Amino acid sequence: MYKALFPLITSMFLTLALSTACAEQDKSDQAAEQSTITEQATDSGKTEQGESLLDQPVDFSTPEAAEKTLQNIREQEGEAAYENLKVAMDYILFYDMSVRNDTAKLYKKLNGQTPKQILARMRR
């Protein structure tokens, strides 16, 4: 009985360690892909002054203003920039303990920051 228990425990431990290592590799691959998409989106849309909307502060003072700001980014910067920003906001919403999965607190915390700053928060 004890002869079979040791190999079983060892194999379970190795399986757990391997699955954790693979999960970390997937996260780093996703982060690299996200970085590439963000760089492509940053190079795209510009405003009339030659400045990208990703460099201008967002207006998240109300939910309606937040939705309007996100729509402007989607229309002027493209779908990729919009999706990157939404992913970053969802990440902060889930992992930032001061927000605690509350969109009103998220909007208050992100109000006045640029989309690039919001993307940088996700990367930290």
N, C-alpha and C. Protein backbone atom coordinates (compact mmCIF):
# COMPACT_ATOMS: atom_id res chain seq x y z
N MET A 1 0.82 -1.20 0.00
CA MET A 1 0.00 0.00 0.00
C MET A 1 0.86 1.25 0.00
N TYR A 2 1.86 1.30 0.90
CA TYR A 2 2.71 2.48 0.97
C TYR A 2 3.61 2.61 -0.26
N LYS A 3 3.91 1.49 -0.91
CA LYS A 3 4.75 1.54 -2.10
C LYS A 3 4.01 2.24 -3.25
N ALA A 4 2.72 2.14 -3.32
CA ALA A 4 1.94 2.77 -4.38
C ALA A 4 1.60 4.22 -4.03
N LEU A 5 1.56 4.54 -2.76
CA LEU A 5 1.18 5.88 -2.32
C LEU A 5 2.23 6.92 -2.68
N PHE A 6 3.50 6.62 -2.49
CA PHE A 6 4.57 7.57 -2.77
C PHE A 6 4.61 7.96 -4.26
N PRO A 7 4.60 7.01 -5.20
CA PRO A 7 4.60 7.42 -6.62
C PRO A 7 3.33 8.20 -7.00
N LEU A 8 2.21 7.87 -6.39
CA LEU A 8 0.97 8.59 -6.67
C LEU A 8 1.08 10.05 -6.23
N ILE A 9 1.57 10.28 -5.03
CA ILE A 9 1.72 11.64 -4.51
C ILE A 9 2.74 12.41 -5.34
N THR A 10 3.83 11.75 -5.70
CA THR A 10 4.85 12.40 -6.52
C THR A 10 4.30 12.80 -7.88
N SER A 11 3.57 11.91 -8.51
CA SER A 11 3.01 12.24 -9.83
C SER A 11 1.98 13.35 -9.73
N MET A 12 1.19 13.38 -8.66
CA MET A 12 0.22 14.46 -8.48
C MET A 12 0.93 15.80 -8.30
N PHE A 13 2.00 15.82 -7.52
CA PHE A 13 2.76 17.05 -7.31
C PHE A 13 3.37 17.55 -8.61
N LEU A 14 3.97 16.66 -9.39
CA LEU A 14 4.57 17.05 -10.66
C LEU A 14 3.53 17.56 -11.65
N THR A 15 2.35 16.93 -11.66
CA THR A 15 1.27 17.39 -12.54
C THR A 15 0.82 18.79 -12.16
N LEU A 16 0.70 19.04 -10.87
CA LEU A 16 0.32 20.36 -10.40
C LEU A 16 1.37 21.41 -10.77
N ALA A 17 2.63 21.09 -10.58
CA ALA A 17 3.71 22.03 -10.90
C ALA A 17 3.75 22.31 -12.40
N LEU A 18 3.56 21.28 -13.21
CA LEU A 18 3.59 21.46 -14.66
C LEU A 18 2.41 22.30 -15.14
N SER A 19 1.23 22.06 -14.59
CA SER A 19 0.07 22.84 -15.01
C SER A 19 0.22 24.31 -14.63
N THR A 20 0.82 24.59 -13.48
CA THR A 20 1.07 25.97 -13.06
C THR A 20 2.07 26.65 -14.00
N ALA A 21 3.11 25.93 -14.36
CA ALA A 21 4.11 26.49 -15.27
C ALA A 21 3.50 26.79 -16.64
N CYS A 22 2.64 25.91 -17.11
CA CYS A 22 1.99 26.13 -18.41
C CYS A 22 1.05 27.32 -18.36
N ALA A 23 0.35 27.49 -17.25
CA ALA A 23 -0.56 28.62 -17.10
C ALA A 23 0.21 29.94 -17.11
N GLU A 24 1.36 29.99 -16.44
CA GLU A 24 2.17 31.20 -16.44
C GLU A 24 2.69 31.50 -17.83
N GLN A 25 3.05 30.47 -18.58
CA GLN A 25 3.52 30.67 -19.95
C GLN A 25 2.40 31.25 -20.81
N ASP A 26 1.16 30.76 -20.63
CA ASP A 26 0.03 31.28 -21.39
C ASP A 26 -0.20 32.76 -21.07
N LYS A 27 -0.07 33.14 -19.80
CA LYS A 27 -0.26 34.53 -19.42
C LYS A 27 0.78 35.43 -20.06
N SER A 28 2.03 34.98 -20.09
CA SER A 28 3.07 35.81 -20.69
C SER A 28 2.87 35.92 -22.20
N ASP A 29 2.39 34.84 -22.85
CA ASP A 29 2.09 34.90 -24.27
C ASP A 29 0.96 35.88 -24.55
N GLN A 30 -0.07 35.87 -23.71
CA GLN A 30 -1.19 36.79 -23.89
C GLN A 30 -0.74 38.23 -23.67
N ALA A 31 0.13 38.45 -22.69
CA ALA A 31 0.62 39.81 -22.42
C ALA A 31 1.43 40.33 -23.60
N ALA A 32 2.25 39.47 -24.20
CA ALA A 32 3.04 39.89 -25.35
C ALA A 32 2.13 40.21 -26.53
N GLU A 33 1.10 39.40 -26.74
CA GLU A 33 0.16 39.64 -27.83
C GLU A 33 -0.61 40.94 -27.59
N GLN A 34 -1.02 41.17 -26.35
CA GLN A 34 -1.75 42.38 -25.98
C GLN A 34 -0.87 43.61 -26.22
N SER A 35 0.40 43.51 -25.90
CA SER A 35 1.33 44.61 -26.10
C SER A 35 1.46 44.96 -27.58
N THR A 36 1.53 43.95 -28.42
CA THR A 36 1.63 44.16 -29.86
C THR A 36 0.38 44.85 -30.40
N ILE A 37 -0.78 44.40 -29.95
CA ILE A 37 -2.04 44.99 -30.40
C ILE A 37 -2.13 46.45 -29.95
N THR A 38 -1.70 46.73 -28.73
CA THR A 38 -1.75 48.09 -28.20
C THR A 38 -0.85 49.01 -29.00
N GLU A 39 0.34 48.53 -29.35
CA GLU A 39 1.25 49.35 -30.13
C GLU A 39 0.68 49.65 -31.51
N GLN A 40 0.01 48.66 -32.12
CA GLN A 40 -0.60 48.88 -33.42
C GLN A 40 -1.74 49.88 -33.32
N ALA A 41 -2.53 49.77 -32.26
CA ALA A 41 -3.66 50.67 -32.08
C ALA A 41 -3.18 52.09 -31.80
N THR A 42 -2.08 52.21 -31.08
CA THR A 42 -1.55 53.53 -30.75
C THR A 42 -1.07 54.25 -32.00
N ASP A 43 -0.54 53.50 -32.93
CA ASP A 43 -0.03 54.11 -34.15
C ASP A 43 -1.15 54.53 -35.09
N SER A 44 -2.38 54.05 -34.88
CA SER A 44 -3.45 54.34 -35.82
C SER A 44 -4.04 55.73 -35.59
N GLY A 45 -5.24 55.87 -35.00
CA GLY A 45 -6.00 57.11 -35.00
C GLY A 45 -5.37 58.30 -34.35
N LYS A 46 -5.57 59.46 -34.96
CA LYS A 46 -5.09 60.75 -34.46
C LYS A 46 -6.25 61.74 -34.51
N THR A 47 -6.23 62.70 -33.61
CA THR A 47 -7.24 63.75 -33.64
C THR A 47 -6.80 64.87 -34.57
N GLU A 48 -7.61 65.94 -34.62
CA GLU A 48 -7.31 67.04 -35.53
C GLU A 48 -5.98 67.70 -35.18
N GLN A 49 -5.63 67.76 -33.91
CA GLN A 49 -4.39 68.40 -33.50
C GLN A 49 -3.19 67.48 -33.70
N GLY A 50 -3.40 66.29 -34.22
CA GLY A 50 -2.31 65.35 -34.40
C GLY A 50 -2.06 64.52 -33.15
N GLU A 51 -2.89 64.67 -32.14
CA GLU A 51 -2.72 63.95 -30.89
C GLU A 51 -3.74 62.82 -30.84
N SER A 52 -3.33 61.67 -30.42
CA SER A 52 -4.19 60.51 -30.34
C SER A 52 -5.17 60.65 -29.17
N LEU A 53 -6.34 60.07 -29.30
CA LEU A 53 -7.29 60.04 -28.18
C LEU A 53 -6.74 59.23 -27.03
N LEU A 54 -5.80 58.34 -27.31
CA LEU A 54 -5.20 57.53 -26.26
C LEU A 54 -4.29 58.35 -25.36
N ASP A 55 -3.96 59.58 -25.78
CA ASP A 55 -3.12 60.47 -24.98
C ASP A 55 -3.93 61.53 -24.24
N GLN A 56 -5.23 61.56 -24.45
CA GLN A 56 -6.08 62.56 -23.81
C GLN A 56 -6.81 61.93 -22.62
N PRO A 57 -7.01 62.71 -21.56
CA PRO A 57 -7.72 62.16 -20.39
C PRO A 57 -9.15 61.75 -20.73
N VAL A 58 -9.60 60.67 -20.10
CA VAL A 58 -10.97 60.19 -20.32
C VAL A 58 -11.92 60.86 -19.35
N ASP A 59 -13.18 60.94 -19.74
CA ASP A 59 -14.22 61.51 -18.89
C ASP A 59 -15.10 60.37 -18.39
N PHE A 60 -14.83 59.93 -17.16
CA PHE A 60 -15.63 58.88 -16.54
C PHE A 60 -16.41 59.44 -15.36
N SER A 61 -16.79 60.72 -15.42
CA SER A 61 -17.49 61.35 -14.30
C SER A 61 -18.88 60.74 -14.08
N THR A 62 -19.54 60.31 -15.16
CA THR A 62 -20.83 59.63 -15.06
C THR A 62 -20.79 58.40 -15.97
N PRO A 63 -21.67 57.43 -15.74
CA PRO A 63 -21.70 56.27 -16.64
C PRO A 63 -21.98 56.64 -18.09
N GLU A 64 -22.81 57.66 -18.30
CA GLU A 64 -23.12 58.09 -19.66
C GLU A 64 -21.89 58.71 -20.33
N ALA A 65 -21.16 59.53 -19.57
CA ALA A 65 -19.94 60.13 -20.10
C ALA A 65 -18.90 59.05 -20.40
N ALA A 66 -18.84 58.03 -19.55
CA ALA A 66 -17.89 56.94 -19.77
C ALA A 66 -18.23 56.20 -21.06
N GLU A 67 -19.50 55.93 -21.26
CA GLU A 67 -19.93 55.22 -22.48
C GLU A 67 -19.64 56.07 -23.72
N LYS A 68 -19.87 57.38 -23.62
CA LYS A 68 -19.60 58.27 -24.75
C LYS A 68 -18.10 58.30 -25.06
N THR A 69 -17.27 58.35 -24.03
CA THR A 69 -15.82 58.35 -24.21
C THR A 69 -15.36 57.06 -24.87
N LEU A 70 -15.89 55.94 -24.41
CA LEU A 70 -15.51 54.65 -24.99
C LEU A 70 -15.96 54.56 -26.45
N GLN A 71 -17.14 55.10 -26.76
CA GLN A 71 -17.62 55.11 -28.15
C GLN A 71 -16.72 55.96 -29.03
N ASN A 72 -16.28 57.12 -28.52
CA ASN A 72 -15.37 57.98 -29.28
C ASN A 72 -14.07 57.25 -29.59
N ILE A 73 -13.56 56.54 -28.61
CA ILE A 73 -12.33 55.78 -28.82
C ILE A 73 -12.55 54.70 -29.85
N ARG A 74 -13.70 54.03 -29.78
CA ARG A 74 -14.01 52.97 -30.75
C ARG A 74 -14.09 53.54 -32.16
N GLU A 75 -14.73 54.70 -32.32
CA GLU A 75 -14.92 55.28 -33.64
C GLU A 75 -13.64 55.88 -34.20
N GLN A 76 -12.87 56.58 -33.37
CA GLN A 76 -11.71 57.31 -33.88
C GLN A 76 -10.41 56.51 -33.83
N GLU A 77 -10.26 55.64 -32.86
CA GLU A 77 -9.01 54.89 -32.72
C GLU A 77 -9.11 53.47 -33.29
N GLY A 78 -10.32 52.97 -33.39
CA GLY A 78 -10.48 51.63 -33.96
C GLY A 78 -10.92 50.60 -32.92
N GLU A 79 -11.36 49.48 -33.44
CA GLU A 79 -11.88 48.41 -32.60
C GLU A 79 -10.80 47.81 -31.70
N ALA A 80 -9.58 47.71 -32.20
CA ALA A 80 -8.49 47.11 -31.42
C ALA A 80 -8.18 47.94 -30.18
N ALA A 81 -8.10 49.25 -30.33
CA ALA A 81 -7.83 50.14 -29.19
C ALA A 81 -8.97 50.07 -28.18
N TYR A 82 -10.20 50.04 -28.68
CA TYR A 82 -11.36 49.95 -27.80
C TYR A 82 -11.33 48.65 -27.01
N GLU A 83 -11.08 47.54 -27.69
CA GLU A 83 -11.04 46.24 -27.02
C GLU A 83 -9.92 46.18 -25.99
N ASN A 84 -8.76 46.73 -26.31
CA ASN A 84 -7.64 46.76 -25.36
C ASN A 84 -8.02 47.53 -24.11
N LEU A 85 -8.67 48.66 -24.30
CA LEU A 85 -9.08 49.47 -23.15
C LEU A 85 -10.13 48.75 -22.31
N LYS A 86 -11.08 48.09 -22.96
CA LYS A 86 -12.10 47.34 -22.22
C LYS A 86 -11.48 46.18 -21.43
N VAL A 87 -10.51 45.49 -22.04
CA VAL A 87 -9.83 44.40 -21.34
C VAL A 87 -9.08 44.94 -20.13
N ALA A 88 -8.41 46.07 -20.30
CA ALA A 88 -7.68 46.67 -19.18
C ALA A 88 -8.63 47.08 -18.06
N MET A 89 -9.77 47.66 -18.44
CA MET A 89 -10.75 48.06 -17.42
C MET A 89 -11.32 46.85 -16.70
N ASP A 90 -11.61 45.79 -17.44
CA ASP A 90 -12.12 44.57 -16.81
C ASP A 90 -11.08 43.97 -15.87
N TYR A 91 -9.82 44.03 -16.27
CA TYR A 91 -8.73 43.51 -15.44
C TYR A 91 -8.66 44.29 -14.13
N ILE A 92 -8.68 45.62 -14.22
CA ILE A 92 -8.62 46.46 -13.03
C ILE A 92 -9.86 46.24 -12.17
N LEU A 93 -11.01 46.12 -12.80
CA LEU A 93 -12.26 45.89 -12.07
C LEU A 93 -12.20 44.61 -11.26
N PHE A 94 -11.56 43.59 -11.80
CA PHE A 94 -11.52 42.30 -11.12
C PHE A 94 -10.40 42.22 -10.09
N TYR A 95 -9.22 42.74 -10.43
CA TYR A 95 -8.06 42.52 -9.57
C TYR A 95 -7.75 43.65 -8.59
N ASP A 96 -8.25 44.85 -8.81
CA ASP A 96 -7.96 45.96 -7.90
C ASP A 96 -8.89 45.87 -6.70
N MET A 97 -8.31 45.65 -5.55
CA MET A 97 -9.11 45.45 -4.34
C MET A 97 -9.82 46.73 -3.90
N SER A 98 -9.31 47.90 -4.26
CA SER A 98 -9.99 49.13 -3.87
C SER A 98 -11.27 49.35 -4.67
N VAL A 99 -11.37 48.73 -5.83
CA VAL A 99 -12.56 48.86 -6.67
C VAL A 99 -13.62 47.83 -6.27
N ARG A 100 -13.19 46.65 -5.94
CA ARG A 100 -14.06 45.56 -5.47
C ARG A 100 -15.22 45.27 -6.42
N ASN A 101 -14.92 45.20 -7.71
CA ASN A 101 -15.90 44.81 -8.72
C ASN A 101 -17.09 45.77 -8.80
N ASP A 102 -16.85 47.04 -8.53
CA ASP A 102 -17.88 48.08 -8.59
C ASP A 102 -17.51 49.07 -9.69
N THR A 103 -18.34 49.12 -10.74
CA THR A 103 -18.01 49.97 -11.88
C THR A 103 -18.01 51.46 -11.52
N ALA A 104 -18.85 51.87 -10.58
CA ALA A 104 -18.87 53.28 -10.17
C ALA A 104 -17.52 53.67 -9.54
N LYS A 105 -16.98 52.79 -8.70
CA LYS A 105 -15.67 53.05 -8.11
C LYS A 105 -14.58 53.00 -9.17
N LEU A 106 -14.73 52.11 -10.14
CA LEU A 106 -13.75 52.02 -11.22
C LEU A 106 -13.74 53.33 -12.02
N TYR A 107 -14.90 53.83 -12.38
CA TYR A 107 -14.98 55.07 -13.14
C TYR A 107 -14.38 56.23 -12.35
N LYS A 108 -14.65 56.28 -11.06
CA LYS A 108 -14.11 57.34 -10.22
C LYS A 108 -12.59 57.26 -10.17
N LYS A 109 -12.07 56.04 -10.09
CA LYS A 109 -10.62 55.85 -10.00
C LYS A 109 -9.91 56.18 -11.32
N LEU A 110 -10.55 55.88 -12.44
CA LEU A 110 -9.92 56.07 -13.74
C LEU A 110 -10.21 57.44 -14.36
N ASN A 111 -11.14 58.21 -13.78
CA ASN A 111 -11.52 59.50 -14.34
C ASN A 111 -10.30 60.43 -14.41
N GLY A 112 -10.06 61.00 -15.59
CA GLY A 112 -8.97 61.94 -15.77
C GLY A 112 -7.67 61.29 -16.25
N GLN A 113 -7.58 59.96 -16.24
CA GLN A 113 -6.39 59.30 -16.74
C GLN A 113 -6.51 59.10 -18.25
N THR A 114 -5.39 58.93 -18.89
CA THR A 114 -5.41 58.66 -20.32
C THR A 114 -5.58 57.16 -20.54
N PRO A 115 -6.09 56.75 -21.68
CA PRO A 115 -6.19 55.32 -21.96
C PRO A 115 -4.83 54.61 -21.89
N LYS A 116 -3.76 55.29 -22.26
CA LYS A 116 -2.44 54.69 -22.15
C LYS A 116 -2.08 54.42 -20.69
N GLN A 117 -2.46 55.31 -19.80
CA GLN A 117 -2.19 55.11 -18.38
C GLN A 117 -3.02 53.95 -17.84
N ILE A 118 -4.24 53.80 -18.34
CA ILE A 118 -5.09 52.70 -17.90
C ILE A 118 -4.49 51.38 -18.38
N LEU A 119 -4.00 51.35 -19.60
CA LEU A 119 -3.36 50.12 -20.12
C LEU A 119 -2.09 49.82 -19.32
N ALA A 120 -1.36 50.83 -18.92
CA ALA A 120 -0.15 50.62 -18.14
C ALA A 120 -0.47 50.04 -16.76
N ARG A 121 -1.60 50.44 -16.18
CA ARG A 121 -2.01 49.88 -14.88
C ARG A 121 -2.23 48.38 -14.98
N MET A 122 -2.77 47.95 -16.10
CA MET A 122 -3.02 46.53 -16.27
C MET A 122 -1.70 45.75 -16.37
N ARG A 123 -0.71 46.36 -16.99
CA ARG A 123 0.56 45.66 -17.20
C ARG A 123 1.38 45.53 -15.94
N ARG A 124 1.11 46.37 -14.93
CA ARG A 124 1.90 46.31 -13.68
C ARG A 124 1.64 45.06 -12.94
